[in-house]
């Protein structure tokens, strides 16, 4: 559902929905990844970093999260 809001350009509702989902099940790393992307595109870099770090807390070798953080850090 959150992805549908995102496709419609409603980032606020998408993020709200993503947050609701991870509050119910914080181990859903795909949701954290998506949240990070939306935050990054919304120029909320610290929130993006935090979301991607959540992914790494559960899967320290997650390639996508590592790449996103590297790009966020300018590397």
C-alpha atoms as a PDB file:
ATOM      1  CA  UNK A   1       0.000   0.000   0.000  1.00  0.00           C
ATOM      2  CA  UNK A   2       2.828   2.395   0.850  1.00  0.00           C
ATOM      3  CA  UNK A   3       4.334   1.874  -2.591  1.00  0.00           C
ATOM      4  CA  UNK A   4       1.025   2.836  -4.175  1.00  0.00           C
ATOM      5  CA  UNK A   5       1.013   6.115  -2.242  1.00  0.00           C
ATOM      6  CA  UNK A   6       4.575   6.673  -3.364  1.00  0.00           C
ATOM      7  CA  UNK A   7       3.681   6.065  -7.006  1.00  0.00           C
ATOM      8  CA  UNK A   8       0.907   8.633  -6.635  1.00  0.00           C
ATOM      9  CA  UNK A   9       3.450  11.161  -5.351  1.00  0.00           C
ATOM     10  CA  UNK A  10       2.139  11.125  -1.781  1.00  0.00           C
ATOM     11  CA  UNK A  11       5.427  10.722   0.065  1.00  0.00           C
ATOM     12  CA  UNK A  12       3.986  11.805   3.412  1.00  0.00           C
ATOM     13  CA  UNK A  13       1.367   9.049   3.452  1.00  0.00           C
ATOM     14  CA  UNK A  14       3.872   6.561   2.032  1.00  0.00           C
ATOM     15  CA  UNK A  15       6.330   7.291   4.849  1.00  0.00           C
ATOM     16  CA  UNK A  16       3.554   7.142   7.418  1.00  0.00           C
ATOM     17  CA  UNK A  17       2.527   3.735   6.099  1.00  0.00           C
ATOM     18  CA  UNK A  18       6.118   2.486   6.023  1.00  0.00           C
ATOM     19  CA  UNK A  19       6.561   3.631   9.637  1.00  0.00           C
ATOM     20  CA  UNK A  20       3.384   1.849  10.683  1.00  0.00           C
ATOM     21  CA  UNK A  21       4.630  -1.360   9.068  1.00  0.00           C
ATOM     22  CA  UNK A  22       8.095  -1.309  10.658  1.00  0.00           C
ATOM     23  CA  UNK A  23       6.605  -0.495  14.045  1.00  0.00           C
ATOM     24  CA  UNK A  24       4.628  -3.734  13.742  1.00  0.00           C
ATOM     25  CA  UNK A  25       7.535  -5.738  12.321  1.00  0.00           C
ATOM     26  CA  UNK A  26      10.924  -3.994  12.472  1.00  0.00           C
ATOM     27  CA  UNK A  27      12.699  -6.894  10.772  1.00  0.00           C
ATOM     28  CA  UNK A  28      11.176  -6.083   7.361  1.00  0.00           C
ATOM     29  CA  UNK A  29      14.358  -4.728   5.858  1.00  0.00           C
ATOM     30  CA  UNK A  30      12.821  -4.078   2.439  1.00  0.00           C
ATOM     31  CA  UNK A  31      10.553  -1.520   4.087  1.00  0.00           C
ATOM     32  CA  UNK A  32      13.527   0.148   5.787  1.00  0.00           C
ATOM     33  CA  UNK A  33      15.311   0.260   2.413  1.00  0.00           C
ATOM     34  CA  UNK A  34      12.310   1.904   0.759  1.00  0.00           C
ATOM     35  CA  UNK A  35      11.969   4.394   3.592  1.00  0.00           C
ATOM     36  CA  UNK A  36      15.600   5.347   3.208  1.00  0.00           C
ATOM     37  CA  UNK A  37      15.162   5.985  -0.496  1.00  0.00           C
ATOM     38  CA  UNK A  38      12.095   8.161   0.073  1.00  0.00           C
ATOM     39  CA  UNK A  39      13.863  10.109   2.807  1.00  0.00           C
ATOM     40  CA  UNK A  40      16.925  10.596   0.592  1.00  0.00           C
ATOM     41  CA  UNK A  41      14.793  11.814  -2.307  1.00  0.00           C
ATOM     42  CA  UNK A  42      13.067  14.193   0.122  1.00  0.00           C
ATOM     43  CA  UNK A  43      16.492  15.551   1.167  1.00  0.00           C
ATOM     44  CA  UNK A  44      16.120  14.115   4.681  1.00  0.00           C
ATOM     45  CA  UNK A  45      19.565  12.592   4.705  1.00  0.00           C
ATOM     46  CA  UNK A  46      19.836  11.769   8.408  1.00  0.00           C
ATOM     47  CA  UNK A  47      16.521   9.929   8.350  1.00  0.00           C
ATOM     48  CA  UNK A  48      17.678   8.071   5.242  1.00  0.00           C
ATOM     49  CA  UNK A  49      20.902   7.125   7.003  1.00  0.00           C
ATOM     50  CA  UNK A  50      18.980   5.918  10.043  1.00  0.00           C
ATOM     51  CA  UNK A  51      16.652   3.773   7.925  1.00  0.00           C
ATOM     52  CA  UNK A  52      19.533   2.121   6.083  1.00  0.00           C
ATOM     53  CA  UNK A  53      21.394   1.563   9.345  1.00  0.00           C
ATOM     54  CA  UNK A  54      18.309  -0.302  10.584  1.00  0.00           C
ATOM     55  CA  UNK A  55      18.685  -2.643   7.627  1.00  0.00           C
ATOM     56  CA  UNK A  56      22.303  -3.270   8.566  1.00  0.00           C
ATOM     57  CA  UNK A  57      21.323  -3.922  12.179  1.00  0.00           C
ATOM     58  CA  UNK A  58      19.443  -6.995  10.949  1.00  0.00           C
ATOM     59  CA  UNK A  59      21.578  -7.871   7.921  1.00  0.00           C
ATOM     60  CA  UNK A  60      25.063  -6.406   8.212  1.00  0.00           C
ATOM     61  CA  UNK A  61      25.972  -7.557   4.708  1.00  0.00           C
ATOM     62  CA  UNK A  62      22.978  -6.055   2.888  1.00  0.00           C
ATOM     63  CA  UNK A  63      24.494  -4.820  -0.375  1.00  0.00           C
ATOM     64  CA  UNK A  64      21.749  -2.281  -1.124  1.00  0.00           C
ATOM     65  CA  UNK A  65      21.951  -0.590   2.270  1.00  0.00           C
ATOM     66  CA  UNK A  66      25.737  -0.484   2.073  1.00  0.00           C
ATOM     67  CA  UNK A  67      25.617   1.071  -1.409  1.00  0.00           C
ATOM     68  CA  UNK A  68      23.011   3.648  -0.392  1.00  0.00           C
ATOM     69  CA  UNK A  69      25.048   4.675   2.658  1.00  0.00           C
ATOM     70  CA  UNK A  70      28.213   4.891   0.592  1.00  0.00           C
ATOM     71  CA  UNK A  71      26.468   7.136  -1.920  1.00  0.00           C
ATOM     72  CA  UNK A  72      24.955   9.245   0.861  1.00  0.00           C
ATOM     73  CA  UNK A  73      28.451   9.739   2.276  1.00  0.00           C
ATOM     74  CA  UNK A  74      29.684  10.895  -1.124  1.00  0.00           C
ATOM     75  CA  UNK A  75      31.817   7.847  -1.842  1.00  0.00           C
END
